[in-house]
Amino acid sequence: MANISSYGACPSIKNILLLDSEGKRVAVKYYSDDWPTNTAKLAFEKSVFTKTQKTNARTEAEIAMFENNIVIYKFIQDLHFFVTSGDDENELILATVLQGFSDAVALLLRNNVDKREALENLDLILLCLDEIIDGGMILETDASVIEGKVAAHNTDAGAPLSEQTLTQALATAREHLTRSLLK
């Protein structure tokens, strides 16, 4: 059988980084063993940040080649969004992942995308990353779908029934019924 190349295979992501305006971590996920230690990961983040900080990636995503990787990045206020993949991946797919991530974060933070708000809602951002990528494989890129799944994970069962959706109210009622039957 002929040697099968990765062309046409499912694109894989090596990492997604969300850094602040000083290059410090806000939220990161690595899906590759290219950076085996935390020190190597921090060095990579610093290098990527240093290389890209002088660019103007505020209006649309920019592309850079870095250490045999494609890095797609975009800046929103004081947050820097990065998606990294191998140099053989399709840049348009990576740009779609980046756009889905940044748009989902904007939806989750109600368009108040800044470091303080991101840190206050870090759980939502990490759930967002989990909904977009699993083990380096792209699962979803539509921001509204991602935001919907994250919001479903983050339902507040303690909220009054009048503030819950029908599904949330039924889940709350089922939970209360199960607790009362188990007592």
N, C-alpha and C. Protein backbone atom coordinates (compact mmCIF):
# COMPACT_ATOMS: atom_id res chain seq x y z
N MET A 1 0.84 -1.18 0.00
CA MET A 1 0.00 0.00 0.00
C MET A 1 0.89 1.24 0.00
N ALA A 2 0.43 2.28 -0.67
CA ALA A 2 1.20 3.52 -0.77
C ALA A 2 1.24 4.23 0.58
N ASN A 3 2.28 5.03 0.74
CA ASN A 3 2.42 5.80 1.96
C ASN A 3 1.30 6.84 2.02
N ILE A 4 0.52 6.81 3.09
CA ILE A 4 -0.60 7.73 3.22
C ILE A 4 -0.12 9.00 3.90
N SER A 5 -0.29 10.12 3.23
CA SER A 5 0.12 11.40 3.84
C SER A 5 -1.03 11.93 4.67
N SER A 6 -0.74 12.98 5.41
CA SER A 6 -1.77 13.58 6.25
C SER A 6 -2.69 14.48 5.44
N TYR A 7 -2.42 14.64 4.13
CA TYR A 7 -3.27 15.48 3.30
C TYR A 7 -4.67 14.88 3.26
N GLY A 8 -5.65 15.65 3.55
CA GLY A 8 -7.03 15.20 3.54
C GLY A 8 -7.46 14.63 4.88
N ALA A 9 -6.53 14.40 5.78
CA ALA A 9 -6.88 13.90 7.10
C ALA A 9 -7.46 15.03 7.93
N CYS A 10 -8.00 14.67 9.05
CA CYS A 10 -8.57 15.67 9.96
C CYS A 10 -7.46 16.59 10.47
N PRO A 11 -7.62 17.91 10.33
CA PRO A 11 -6.59 18.83 10.81
C PRO A 11 -6.43 18.71 12.32
N SER A 12 -5.21 18.88 12.78
CA SER A 12 -4.99 18.81 14.22
C SER A 12 -4.38 20.12 14.72
N ILE A 13 -4.74 20.46 15.93
CA ILE A 13 -4.29 21.67 16.59
C ILE A 13 -3.26 21.27 17.63
N LYS A 14 -2.16 22.01 17.71
CA LYS A 14 -1.14 21.72 18.72
C LYS A 14 -1.41 22.45 20.03
N ASN A 15 -1.92 23.67 19.95
CA ASN A 15 -2.30 24.39 21.16
C ASN A 15 -3.19 25.56 20.83
N ILE A 16 -3.89 26.02 21.86
CA ILE A 16 -4.66 27.26 21.79
C ILE A 16 -4.20 28.07 23.00
N LEU A 17 -3.82 29.31 22.73
CA LEU A 17 -3.31 30.18 23.78
C LEU A 17 -4.17 31.43 23.89
N LEU A 18 -4.41 31.84 25.10
CA LEU A 18 -5.03 33.13 25.37
C LEU A 18 -4.11 33.82 26.36
N LEU A 19 -3.40 34.84 25.86
CA LEU A 19 -2.42 35.56 26.67
C LEU A 19 -2.89 36.99 26.88
N ASP A 20 -2.35 37.62 27.92
CA ASP A 20 -2.69 39.03 28.15
C ASP A 20 -1.73 39.92 27.37
N SER A 21 -1.86 41.22 27.55
CA SER A 21 -1.06 42.17 26.77
C SER A 21 0.41 42.20 27.17
N GLU A 22 0.77 41.46 28.23
CA GLU A 22 2.16 41.35 28.64
C GLU A 22 2.74 39.98 28.31
N GLY A 23 1.95 39.13 27.66
CA GLY A 23 2.41 37.80 27.28
C GLY A 23 2.23 36.75 28.35
N LYS A 24 1.50 37.07 29.40
CA LYS A 24 1.26 36.12 30.48
C LYS A 24 0.00 35.31 30.19
N ARG A 25 -0.02 34.09 30.71
CA ARG A 25 -1.15 33.19 30.48
C ARG A 25 -2.45 33.70 31.09
N VAL A 26 -3.51 33.56 30.31
CA VAL A 26 -4.86 33.70 30.83
C VAL A 26 -5.49 32.32 30.80
N ALA A 27 -5.47 31.67 29.63
CA ALA A 27 -5.95 30.30 29.48
C ALA A 27 -5.17 29.65 28.33
N VAL A 28 -4.65 28.48 28.56
CA VAL A 28 -3.93 27.76 27.50
C VAL A 28 -4.29 26.28 27.54
N LYS A 29 -4.27 25.66 26.39
CA LYS A 29 -4.45 24.21 26.29
C LYS A 29 -3.46 23.69 25.25
N TYR A 30 -2.70 22.68 25.62
CA TYR A 30 -1.76 22.04 24.71
C TYR A 30 -2.28 20.65 24.37
N TYR A 31 -2.20 20.30 23.08
CA TYR A 31 -2.68 19.01 22.61
C TYR A 31 -1.57 18.21 21.96
N SER A 32 -0.33 18.67 22.06
CA SER A 32 0.81 18.06 21.40
C SER A 32 1.94 17.90 22.40
N ASP A 33 2.79 16.92 22.16
CA ASP A 33 3.96 16.71 23.02
C ASP A 33 5.18 17.47 22.52
N ASP A 34 4.99 18.42 21.62
CA ASP A 34 6.11 19.21 21.10
C ASP A 34 6.78 20.03 22.20
N TRP A 35 6.04 20.34 23.24
CA TRP A 35 6.55 21.10 24.38
C TRP A 35 6.31 20.25 25.63
N PRO A 36 7.26 19.35 25.96
CA PRO A 36 7.01 18.35 27.01
C PRO A 36 6.97 18.90 28.43
N THR A 37 7.64 20.00 28.68
CA THR A 37 7.69 20.53 30.04
C THR A 37 6.98 21.87 30.12
N ASN A 38 6.62 22.24 31.32
CA ASN A 38 5.98 23.54 31.52
C ASN A 38 6.93 24.67 31.14
N THR A 39 8.23 24.48 31.39
CA THR A 39 9.23 25.48 31.03
C THR A 39 9.26 25.67 29.51
N ALA A 40 9.19 24.57 28.77
CA ALA A 40 9.18 24.65 27.30
C ALA A 40 7.92 25.36 26.81
N LYS A 41 6.79 25.07 27.45
CA LYS A 41 5.53 25.72 27.07
C LYS A 41 5.61 27.23 27.32
N LEU A 42 6.11 27.60 28.48
CA LEU A 42 6.23 29.03 28.80
C LEU A 42 7.19 29.74 27.86
N ALA A 43 8.29 29.07 27.50
CA ALA A 43 9.25 29.64 26.55
C ALA A 43 8.61 29.83 25.18
N PHE A 44 7.82 28.85 24.74
CA PHE A 44 7.13 28.97 23.46
C PHE A 44 6.16 30.15 23.49
N GLU A 45 5.38 30.25 24.55
CA GLU A 45 4.41 31.34 24.68
C GLU A 45 5.11 32.70 24.64
N LYS A 46 6.21 32.81 25.36
CA LYS A 46 6.96 34.08 25.37
C LYS A 46 7.50 34.40 23.98
N SER A 47 8.04 33.39 23.29
CA SER A 47 8.59 33.60 21.95
C SER A 47 7.51 34.03 20.95
N VAL A 48 6.38 33.35 20.99
CA VAL A 48 5.28 33.68 20.07
C VAL A 48 4.78 35.10 20.37
N PHE A 49 4.62 35.39 21.64
CA PHE A 49 4.14 36.73 22.01
C PHE A 49 5.11 37.81 21.54
N THR A 50 6.41 37.58 21.78
CA THR A 50 7.42 38.56 21.39
C THR A 50 7.42 38.77 19.88
N LYS A 51 7.27 37.68 19.13
CA LYS A 51 7.30 37.79 17.67
C LYS A 51 6.07 38.52 17.12
N THR A 52 4.93 38.38 17.79
CA THR A 52 3.69 38.91 17.24
C THR A 52 3.22 40.22 17.86
N GLN A 53 3.81 40.65 18.96
CA GLN A 53 3.25 41.80 19.68
C GLN A 53 3.32 43.10 18.91
N LYS A 54 4.23 43.24 17.98
CA LYS A 54 4.37 44.49 17.23
C LYS A 54 3.44 44.57 16.02
N THR A 55 2.73 43.49 15.74
CA THR A 55 1.83 43.48 14.58
C THR A 55 0.48 44.07 14.97
N ASN A 56 -0.32 44.37 13.97
CA ASN A 56 -1.64 44.93 14.21
C ASN A 56 -2.69 43.91 13.79
N ALA A 57 -2.93 42.95 14.67
CA ALA A 57 -3.90 41.89 14.37
C ALA A 57 -5.22 42.16 15.06
N ARG A 58 -5.65 43.39 15.08
CA ARG A 58 -6.88 43.72 15.78
C ARG A 58 -8.11 43.61 14.89
N THR A 59 -7.98 43.90 13.61
CA THR A 59 -9.15 43.86 12.74
C THR A 59 -9.41 42.47 12.19
N GLU A 60 -8.36 41.74 11.87
CA GLU A 60 -8.53 40.38 11.37
C GLU A 60 -7.33 39.54 11.77
N ALA A 61 -7.47 38.23 11.63
CA ALA A 61 -6.42 37.31 12.05
C ALA A 61 -5.19 37.45 11.16
N GLU A 62 -4.04 37.24 11.75
CA GLU A 62 -2.76 37.25 11.05
C GLU A 62 -2.15 35.86 11.13
N ILE A 63 -1.23 35.57 10.20
CA ILE A 63 -0.57 34.26 10.14
C ILE A 63 0.93 34.46 10.26
N ALA A 64 1.57 33.57 11.02
CA ALA A 64 3.03 33.60 11.13
C ALA A 64 3.54 32.16 11.15
N MET A 65 4.71 31.96 10.56
CA MET A 65 5.40 30.67 10.68
C MET A 65 6.37 30.83 11.85
N PHE A 66 6.37 29.84 12.73
CA PHE A 66 7.21 29.94 13.90
C PHE A 66 7.63 28.54 14.33
N GLU A 67 8.93 28.26 14.30
CA GLU A 67 9.48 26.96 14.70
C GLU A 67 8.75 25.79 14.01
N ASN A 68 8.61 25.87 12.70
CA ASN A 68 7.92 24.84 11.90
C ASN A 68 6.46 24.67 12.28
N ASN A 69 5.86 25.72 12.78
CA ASN A 69 4.43 25.71 13.12
C ASN A 69 3.77 26.90 12.47
N ILE A 70 2.50 26.74 12.18
CA ILE A 70 1.68 27.85 11.73
C ILE A 70 1.00 28.41 12.96
N VAL A 71 1.12 29.70 13.16
CA VAL A 71 0.46 30.36 14.28
C VAL A 71 -0.49 31.40 13.70
N ILE A 72 -1.77 31.24 14.00
CA ILE A 72 -2.79 32.20 13.60
C ILE A 72 -3.15 32.97 14.86
N TYR A 73 -3.21 34.29 14.77
CA TYR A 73 -3.44 35.06 15.98
C TYR A 73 -4.29 36.29 15.71
N LYS A 74 -4.88 36.76 16.80
CA LYS A 74 -5.76 37.92 16.74
C LYS A 74 -5.75 38.58 18.12
N PHE A 75 -5.82 39.90 18.15
CA PHE A 75 -5.83 40.63 19.40
C PHE A 75 -7.19 41.30 19.58
N ILE A 76 -7.74 41.18 20.77
CA ILE A 76 -8.97 41.89 21.12
C ILE A 76 -8.71 42.58 22.45
N GLN A 77 -8.73 43.88 22.43
CA GLN A 77 -8.40 44.73 23.58
C GLN A 77 -7.07 44.28 24.18
N ASP A 78 -7.06 43.81 25.44
CA ASP A 78 -5.79 43.42 26.05
C ASP A 78 -5.59 41.90 26.07
N LEU A 79 -6.33 41.18 25.22
CA LEU A 79 -6.18 39.72 25.12
C LEU A 79 -5.63 39.34 23.75
N HIS A 80 -4.73 38.38 23.73
CA HIS A 80 -4.13 37.89 22.50
C HIS A 80 -4.51 36.43 22.33
N PHE A 81 -5.21 36.12 21.24
CA PHE A 81 -5.68 34.77 20.94
C PHE A 81 -4.73 34.13 19.93
N PHE A 82 -4.29 32.89 20.18
CA PHE A 82 -3.39 32.18 19.27
C PHE A 82 -3.89 30.76 19.05
N VAL A 83 -3.77 30.28 17.82
CA VAL A 83 -3.99 28.87 17.49
C VAL A 83 -2.76 28.39 16.75
N THR A 84 -2.16 27.28 17.22
CA THR A 84 -0.93 26.77 16.63
C THR A 84 -1.17 25.37 16.08
N SER A 85 -0.57 25.12 14.91
CA SER A 85 -0.67 23.81 14.29
C SER A 85 0.60 23.54 13.50
N GLY A 86 0.72 22.33 12.98
CA GLY A 86 1.88 21.99 12.17
C GLY A 86 1.90 22.77 10.88
N ASP A 87 3.07 22.84 10.25
CA ASP A 87 3.21 23.64 9.03
C ASP A 87 2.51 23.02 7.81
N ASP A 88 1.95 21.83 7.97
CA ASP A 88 1.25 21.19 6.85
C ASP A 88 -0.27 21.34 6.95
N GLU A 89 -0.77 22.10 7.90
CA GLU A 89 -2.21 22.26 8.07
C GLU A 89 -2.73 23.43 7.24
N ASN A 90 -4.02 23.42 6.99
CA ASN A 90 -4.69 24.44 6.20
C ASN A 90 -4.93 25.69 7.06
N GLU A 91 -4.38 26.81 6.62
CA GLU A 91 -4.48 28.05 7.38
C GLU A 91 -5.92 28.53 7.51
N LEU A 92 -6.74 28.27 6.50
CA LEU A 92 -8.14 28.72 6.57
C LEU A 92 -8.90 27.99 7.66
N ILE A 93 -8.62 26.72 7.83
CA ILE A 93 -9.27 25.96 8.90
C ILE A 93 -8.81 26.48 10.26
N LEU A 94 -7.52 26.75 10.38
CA LEU A 94 -7.00 27.28 11.64
C LEU A 94 -7.60 28.66 11.93
N ALA A 95 -7.74 29.47 10.90
CA ALA A 95 -8.35 30.80 11.08
C ALA A 95 -9.81 30.67 11.52
N THR A 96 -10.50 29.65 11.01
CA THR A 96 -11.88 29.41 11.41
C THR A 96 -11.96 29.01 12.88
N VAL A 97 -11.01 28.19 13.34
CA VAL A 97 -10.95 27.80 14.75
C VAL A 97 -10.71 29.04 15.61
N LEU A 98 -9.76 29.86 15.21
CA LEU A 98 -9.46 31.08 15.96
C LEU A 98 -10.67 32.00 16.02
N GLN A 99 -11.33 32.18 14.89
CA GLN A 99 -12.50 33.06 14.84
C GLN A 99 -13.61 32.50 15.72
N GLY A 100 -13.83 31.18 15.67
CA GLY A 100 -14.84 30.56 16.53
C GLY A 100 -14.53 30.75 18.00
N PHE A 101 -13.25 30.59 18.37
CA PHE A 101 -12.84 30.77 19.76
C PHE A 101 -13.03 32.21 20.22
N SER A 102 -12.52 33.15 19.45
CA SER A 102 -12.61 34.56 19.86
C SER A 102 -14.06 35.04 19.88
N ASP A 103 -14.86 34.61 18.91
CA ASP A 103 -16.27 35.01 18.89
C ASP A 103 -17.05 34.39 20.05
N ALA A 104 -16.76 33.11 20.37
CA ALA A 104 -17.43 32.45 21.48
C ALA A 104 -17.08 33.13 22.80
N VAL A 105 -15.81 33.50 22.96
CA VAL A 105 -15.40 34.22 24.17
C VAL A 105 -16.13 35.56 24.25
N ALA A 106 -16.24 36.25 23.13
CA ALA A 106 -16.95 37.53 23.10
C ALA A 106 -18.42 37.34 23.50
N LEU A 107 -19.05 36.28 23.00
CA LEU A 107 -20.44 36.00 23.36
C LEU A 107 -20.56 35.68 24.85
N LEU A 108 -19.66 34.84 25.35
CA LEU A 108 -19.72 34.44 26.76
C LEU A 108 -19.44 35.61 27.70
N LEU A 109 -18.59 36.52 27.28
CA LEU A 109 -18.25 37.68 28.11
C LEU A 109 -19.12 38.89 27.77
N ARG A 110 -20.15 38.67 26.99
CA ARG A 110 -21.10 39.72 26.59
C ARG A 110 -20.38 40.92 25.96
N ASN A 111 -19.48 40.61 25.04
CA ASN A 111 -18.69 41.60 24.29
C ASN A 111 -17.81 42.48 25.17
N ASN A 112 -17.61 42.10 26.40
CA ASN A 112 -16.70 42.82 27.29
C ASN A 112 -15.41 42.00 27.39
N VAL A 113 -14.69 41.91 26.27
CA VAL A 113 -13.53 41.04 26.18
C VAL A 113 -12.29 41.78 26.68
N ASP A 114 -11.96 41.55 27.94
CA ASP A 114 -10.72 42.07 28.50
C ASP A 114 -10.19 41.09 29.54
N LYS A 115 -8.99 41.33 29.99
CA LYS A 115 -8.32 40.38 30.89
C LYS A 115 -9.10 40.17 32.18
N ARG A 116 -9.55 41.24 32.81
CA ARG A 116 -10.26 41.13 34.08
C ARG A 116 -11.52 40.27 33.94
N GLU A 117 -12.29 40.56 32.91
CA GLU A 117 -13.52 39.80 32.66
C GLU A 117 -13.21 38.35 32.33
N ALA A 118 -12.14 38.13 31.56
CA ALA A 118 -11.74 36.76 31.19
C ALA A 118 -11.33 35.97 32.43
N LEU A 119 -10.59 36.59 33.32
CA LEU A 119 -10.16 35.89 34.54
C LEU A 119 -11.35 35.60 35.46
N GLU A 120 -12.30 36.51 35.51
CA GLU A 120 -13.50 36.28 36.33
C GLU A 120 -14.36 35.15 35.77
N ASN A 121 -14.27 34.92 34.46
CA ASN A 121 -15.06 33.87 33.81
C ASN A 121 -14.16 32.79 33.21
N LEU A 122 -13.05 32.52 33.87
CA LEU A 122 -12.08 31.55 33.35
C LEU A 122 -12.70 30.17 33.15
N ASP A 123 -13.62 29.79 34.02
CA ASP A 123 -14.28 28.49 33.87
C ASP A 123 -15.02 28.39 32.54
N LEU A 124 -15.66 29.47 32.13
CA LEU A 124 -16.38 29.47 30.85
C LEU A 124 -15.41 29.38 29.67
N ILE A 125 -14.29 30.07 29.78
CA ILE A 125 -13.30 30.04 28.70
C ILE A 125 -12.70 28.65 28.57
N LEU A 126 -12.40 28.00 29.69
CA LEU A 126 -11.84 26.64 29.63
C LEU A 126 -12.87 25.66 29.08
N LEU A 127 -14.13 25.81 29.45
CA LEU A 127 -15.18 24.97 28.85
C LEU A 127 -15.28 25.23 27.35
N CYS A 128 -15.13 26.47 26.98
CA CYS A 128 -15.15 26.86 25.56
C CYS A 128 -14.05 26.13 24.80
N LEU A 129 -12.84 26.12 25.36
CA LEU A 129 -11.73 25.40 24.73
C LEU A 129 -12.05 23.92 24.60
N ASP A 130 -12.66 23.34 25.62
CA ASP A 130 -13.03 21.92 25.58
C ASP A 130 -14.07 21.62 24.52
N GLU A 131 -14.96 22.57 24.26
CA GLU A 131 -15.99 22.37 23.23
C GLU A 131 -15.44 22.53 21.82
N ILE A 132 -14.36 23.30 21.67
CA ILE A 132 -13.78 23.54 20.35
C ILE A 132 -12.85 22.41 19.93
N ILE A 133 -11.96 22.01 20.82
CA ILE A 133 -10.90 21.03 20.51
C ILE A 133 -10.93 19.91 21.54
N ASP A 134 -10.74 18.69 21.08
CA ASP A 134 -10.58 17.55 21.98
C ASP A 134 -9.40 16.73 21.51
N GLY A 135 -8.34 16.73 22.29
CA GLY A 135 -7.15 15.97 21.93
C GLY A 135 -6.50 16.43 20.65
N GLY A 136 -6.68 17.69 20.29
CA GLY A 136 -6.09 18.23 19.07
C GLY A 136 -7.02 18.18 17.88
N MET A 137 -8.13 17.47 18.01
CA MET A 137 -9.10 17.35 16.92
C MET A 137 -10.17 18.44 17.05
N ILE A 138 -10.45 19.09 15.94
CA ILE A 138 -11.43 20.17 15.93
C ILE A 138 -12.84 19.58 16.02
N LEU A 139 -13.61 20.03 17.02
CA LEU A 139 -14.97 19.55 17.19
C LEU A 139 -16.00 20.54 16.66
N GLU A 140 -15.78 21.83 16.94
CA GLU A 140 -16.78 22.84 16.60
C GLU A 140 -16.09 24.18 16.36
N THR A 141 -16.61 24.94 15.39
CA THR A 141 -16.06 26.27 15.13
C THR A 141 -17.13 27.36 15.11
N ASP A 142 -18.39 26.99 15.23
CA ASP A 142 -19.47 27.96 15.22
C ASP A 142 -19.62 28.55 16.62
N ALA A 143 -19.37 29.85 16.74
CA ALA A 143 -19.34 30.51 18.05
C ALA A 143 -20.66 30.38 18.81
N SER A 144 -21.78 30.50 18.12
CA SER A 144 -23.07 30.44 18.82
C SER A 144 -23.34 29.02 19.35
N VAL A 145 -22.91 28.00 18.60
CA VAL A 145 -23.07 26.62 19.07
C VAL A 145 -22.17 26.37 20.28
N ILE A 146 -20.93 26.85 20.20
CA ILE A 146 -19.98 26.70 21.31
C ILE A 146 -20.53 27.40 22.55
N GLU A 147 -21.00 28.63 22.38
CA GLU A 147 -21.54 29.40 23.50
C GLU A 147 -22.75 28.68 24.10
N GLY A 148 -23.59 28.11 23.26
CA GLY A 148 -24.77 27.37 23.74
C GLY A 148 -24.39 26.15 24.56
N LYS A 149 -23.38 25.42 24.10
CA LYS A 149 -22.93 24.22 24.84
C LYS A 149 -22.30 24.61 26.18
N VAL A 150 -21.50 25.68 26.17
CA VAL A 150 -20.88 26.14 27.41
C VAL A 150 -21.95 26.63 28.37
N ALA A 151 -22.93 27.36 27.88
CA ALA A 151 -24.01 27.85 28.73
C ALA A 151 -24.81 26.69 29.31
N ALA A 152 -24.98 25.61 28.53
CA ALA A 152 -25.70 24.43 29.03
C ALA A 152 -24.93 23.77 30.17
N HIS A 153 -23.59 23.77 30.07
CA HIS A 153 -22.77 23.21 31.16
C HIS A 153 -22.85 24.08 32.40
N ASN A 154 -23.10 25.34 32.21
CA ASN A 154 -23.00 26.32 33.29
C ASN A 154 -24.36 26.70 33.86
N THR A 155 -25.37 25.86 33.65
CA THR A 155 -26.70 26.22 34.15
C THR A 155 -26.70 26.27 35.66
N ASP A 156 -27.42 27.20 36.17
CA ASP A 156 -27.49 27.41 37.61
C ASP A 156 -28.78 26.80 38.13
N ALA A 157 -28.66 25.61 38.74
CA ALA A 157 -29.84 24.92 39.26
C ALA A 157 -30.44 25.66 40.45
N GLY A 158 -29.66 26.53 41.08
CA GLY A 158 -30.15 27.27 42.23
C GLY A 158 -30.95 28.51 41.86
N ALA A 159 -31.00 28.85 40.59
CA ALA A 159 -31.74 30.04 40.17
C ALA A 159 -33.24 29.79 40.32
N PRO A 160 -34.03 30.84 40.54
CA PRO A 160 -35.47 30.66 40.63
C PRO A 160 -36.02 30.06 39.34
N LEU A 161 -37.09 29.27 39.47
CA LEU A 161 -37.64 28.60 38.28
C LEU A 161 -38.05 29.60 37.21
N SER A 162 -38.46 30.79 37.60
CA SER A 162 -38.88 31.79 36.60
C SER A 162 -37.73 32.26 35.73
N GLU A 163 -36.47 32.10 36.20
CA GLU A 163 -35.31 32.52 35.42
C GLU A 163 -34.64 31.37 34.67
N GLN A 164 -35.21 30.17 34.77
CA GLN A 164 -34.63 29.02 34.10
C GLN A 164 -35.39 28.73 32.81
N THR A 165 -34.69 28.11 31.85
CA THR A 165 -35.37 27.66 30.65
C THR A 165 -36.19 26.43 31.00
N LEU A 166 -37.06 26.02 30.12
CA LEU A 166 -37.91 24.85 30.38
C LEU A 166 -37.06 23.61 30.65
N THR A 167 -36.02 23.42 29.86
CA THR A 167 -35.15 22.25 30.04
C THR A 167 -34.45 22.31 31.39
N GLN A 168 -33.95 23.49 31.75
CA GLN A 168 -33.29 23.64 33.05
C GLN A 168 -34.27 23.41 34.20
N ALA A 169 -35.49 23.93 34.05
CA ALA A 169 -36.49 23.74 35.09
C ALA A 169 -36.84 22.27 35.25
N LEU A 170 -36.99 21.55 34.14
CA LEU A 170 -37.27 20.10 34.21
C LEU A 170 -36.11 19.35 34.85
N ALA A 171 -34.89 19.72 34.52
CA ALA A 171 -33.72 19.07 35.13
C ALA A 171 -33.68 19.34 36.63
N THR A 172 -34.01 20.56 37.04
CA THR A 172 -34.05 20.90 38.46
C THR A 172 -35.14 20.11 39.17
N ALA A 173 -36.30 20.04 38.57
CA ALA A 173 -37.41 19.28 39.15
C ALA A 173 -37.05 17.80 39.27
N ARG A 174 -36.42 17.25 38.24
CA ARG A 174 -36.01 15.84 38.26
C ARG A 174 -35.00 15.61 39.39
N GLU A 175 -34.07 16.54 39.55
CA GLU A 175 -33.06 16.43 40.61
C GLU A 175 -33.71 16.47 41.99
N HIS A 176 -34.66 17.37 42.20
CA HIS A 176 -35.36 17.46 43.48
C HIS A 176 -36.18 16.20 43.74
N LEU A 177 -36.83 15.69 42.73
CA LEU A 177 -37.63 14.47 42.86
C LEU A 177 -36.72 13.29 43.21
N THR A 178 -35.59 13.17 42.53
CA THR A 178 -34.66 12.08 42.81
C THR A 178 -34.15 12.15 44.24
N ARG A 179 -33.82 13.35 44.70
CA ARG A 179 -33.35 13.52 46.08
C ARG A 179 -34.43 13.14 47.09
N SER A 180 -35.67 13.53 46.81
CA SER A 180 -36.74 13.22 47.76
C SER A 180 -37.05 11.72 47.78
N LEU A 181 -36.91 11.04 46.65
CA LEU A 181 -37.15 9.60 46.62
C LEU A 181 -36.03 8.81 47.29
N LEU A 182 -34.82 9.33 47.24
CA LEU A 182 -33.68 8.63 47.83
C LEU A 182 -33.57 8.84 49.34
N LYS A 183 -34.32 9.77 49.90
CA LYS A 183 -34.25 10.03 51.35
C LYS A 183 -34.95 8.98 52.14
